[in-house]
Amino acid sequence: MVGRRIGQYLKENGIKQAFLVEKTGIPAYVISDICTGERKTLDCVAYYEICNALGVDLLYFLTDGKETEV
């Protein structure tokens, strides 16, 4: 769910998965599995690193891109 939203975000913003590999150090096959929804679990640190690299709060992906107040 979150992984597919991350994949969709990359596509919509013209960002290559290789960018996340470079910025996070997460292996390419893991990034690919996340973005396609093949990887069902991932630790919080990895999600933090991905969101940090994209400059997006994790809540953005958890709420389907809807603005939220914290």
C-alpha atoms as a PDB file:
ATOM      1  CA  MET A   1       0.000   0.000   0.000  1.00  0.00           C
ATOM      2  CA  VAL A   2       2.558   2.619   1.089  1.00  0.00           C
ATOM      3  CA  GLY A   3       5.137   1.157  -1.290  1.00  0.00           C
ATOM      4  CA  ARG A   4       2.833   1.463  -4.277  1.00  0.00           C
ATOM      5  CA  ARG A   5       2.068   5.044  -3.292  1.00  0.00           C
ATOM      6  CA  ILE A   6       5.781   5.752  -3.206  1.00  0.00           C
ATOM      7  CA  GLY A   7       6.113   4.179  -6.653  1.00  0.00           C
ATOM      8  CA  GLN A   8       3.234   6.285  -7.945  1.00  0.00           C
ATOM      9  CA  TYR A   9       4.799   9.422  -6.442  1.00  0.00           C
ATOM     10  CA  LEU A  10       8.054   8.692  -8.252  1.00  0.00           C
ATOM     11  CA  LYS A  11       6.234   8.195 -11.535  1.00  0.00           C
ATOM     12  CA  GLU A  12       4.111  11.326 -11.195  1.00  0.00           C
ATOM     13  CA  ASN A  13       7.150  13.442 -10.362  1.00  0.00           C
ATOM     14  CA  GLY A  14       9.519  11.963 -12.936  1.00  0.00           C
ATOM     15  CA  ILE A  15      11.868  10.567 -10.283  1.00  0.00           C
ATOM     16  CA  LYS A  16      13.832   7.434 -11.099  1.00  0.00           C
ATOM     17  CA  GLN A  17      14.173   4.609  -8.600  1.00  0.00           C
ATOM     18  CA  ALA A  18      17.936   4.996  -9.057  1.00  0.00           C
ATOM     19  CA  PHE A  19      17.647   8.354  -7.284  1.00  0.00           C
ATOM     20  CA  LEU A  20      16.356   6.603  -4.159  1.00  0.00           C
ATOM     21  CA  VAL A  21      19.063   3.958  -4.411  1.00  0.00           C
ATOM     22  CA  GLU A  22      21.710   6.676  -4.550  1.00  0.00           C
ATOM     23  CA  LYS A  23      20.223   8.827  -1.776  1.00  0.00           C
ATOM     24  CA  THR A  24      19.283   6.054   0.656  1.00  0.00           C
ATOM     25  CA  GLY A  25      21.769   3.269   0.014  1.00  0.00           C
ATOM     26  CA  ILE A  26      18.882   0.811  -0.152  1.00  0.00           C
ATOM     27  CA  PRO A  27      19.599  -1.833  -2.833  1.00  0.00           C
ATOM     28  CA  ALA A  28      17.898  -1.354  -6.193  1.00  0.00           C
ATOM     29  CA  TYR A  29      16.002  -4.644  -5.960  1.00  0.00           C
ATOM     30  CA  VAL A  30      14.504  -3.574  -2.612  1.00  0.00           C
ATOM     31  CA  ILE A  31      13.434  -0.168  -3.976  1.00  0.00           C
ATOM     32  CA  SER A  32      11.887  -1.911  -6.972  1.00  0.00           C
ATOM     33  CA  ASP A  33      10.023  -4.384  -4.751  1.00  0.00           C
ATOM     34  CA  ILE A  34       8.762  -1.526  -2.563  1.00  0.00           C
ATOM     35  CA  CYS A  35       7.480   0.491  -5.513  1.00  0.00           C
ATOM     36  CA  THR A  36       5.680  -2.443  -7.107  1.00  0.00           C
ATOM     37  CA  GLY A  37       4.152  -3.608  -3.837  1.00  0.00           C
ATOM     38  CA  GLU A  38       6.050  -6.905  -3.906  1.00  0.00           C
ATOM     39  CA  ARG A  39       7.744  -6.092  -0.594  1.00  0.00           C
ATOM     40  CA  LYS A  40       5.048  -6.112   2.056  1.00  0.00           C
ATOM     41  CA  THR A  41       7.214  -5.208   5.042  1.00  0.00           C
ATOM     42  CA  LEU A  42       9.987  -2.710   5.539  1.00  0.00           C
ATOM     43  CA  ASP A  43      11.473  -1.251   8.667  1.00  0.00           C
ATOM     44  CA  CYS A  44      10.616   2.279   9.756  1.00  0.00           C
ATOM     45  CA  VAL A  45      14.156   3.499   9.171  1.00  0.00           C
ATOM     46  CA  ALA A  46      13.977   2.575   5.485  1.00  0.00           C
ATOM     47  CA  TYR A  47      10.654   4.407   5.065  1.00  0.00           C
ATOM     48  CA  TYR A  48      12.165   7.397   6.874  1.00  0.00           C
ATOM     49  CA  GLU A  49      15.180   7.386   4.543  1.00  0.00           C
ATOM     50  CA  ILE A  50      12.958   7.197   1.457  1.00  0.00           C
ATOM     51  CA  CYS A  51      10.694   9.992   2.639  1.00  0.00           C
ATOM     52  CA  ASN A  52      13.678  12.106   3.666  1.00  0.00           C
ATOM     53  CA  ALA A  53      15.247  11.647   0.216  1.00  0.00           C
ATOM     54  CA  LEU A  54      11.981  12.693  -1.435  1.00  0.00           C
ATOM     55  CA  GLY A  55      11.369  15.563   0.975  1.00  0.00           C
ATOM     56  CA  VAL A  56       7.938  14.152   1.816  1.00  0.00           C
ATOM     57  CA  ASP A  57       6.470  13.256   5.202  1.00  0.00           C
ATOM     58  CA  LEU A  58       5.497   9.603   5.632  1.00  0.00           C
ATOM     59  CA  LEU A  59       1.969  10.734   6.491  1.00  0.00           C
ATOM     60  CA  TYR A  60       1.642  11.850   2.876  1.00  0.00           C
ATOM     61  CA  PHE A  61       1.927   8.228   1.762  1.00  0.00           C
ATOM     62  CA  LEU A  62      -0.132   6.848   4.644  1.00  0.00           C
ATOM     63  CA  THR A  63      -3.024   9.193   3.840  1.00  0.00           C
ATOM     64  CA  ASP A  64      -2.967   8.695   0.080  1.00  0.00           C
ATOM     65  CA  GLY A  65      -1.483  12.130  -0.529  1.00  0.00           C
ATOM     66  CA  LYS A  66      -4.143  14.026   1.383  1.00  0.00           C
ATOM     67  CA  GLU A  67      -3.074  16.928   3.546  1.00  0.00           C
ATOM     68  CA  THR A  68      -3.266  16.223   7.254  1.00  0.00           C
ATOM     69  CA  GLU A  69      -2.812  18.231  10.397  1.00  0.00           C
ATOM     70  CA  VAL A  70      -0.621  16.772  13.088  1.00  0.00           C
END
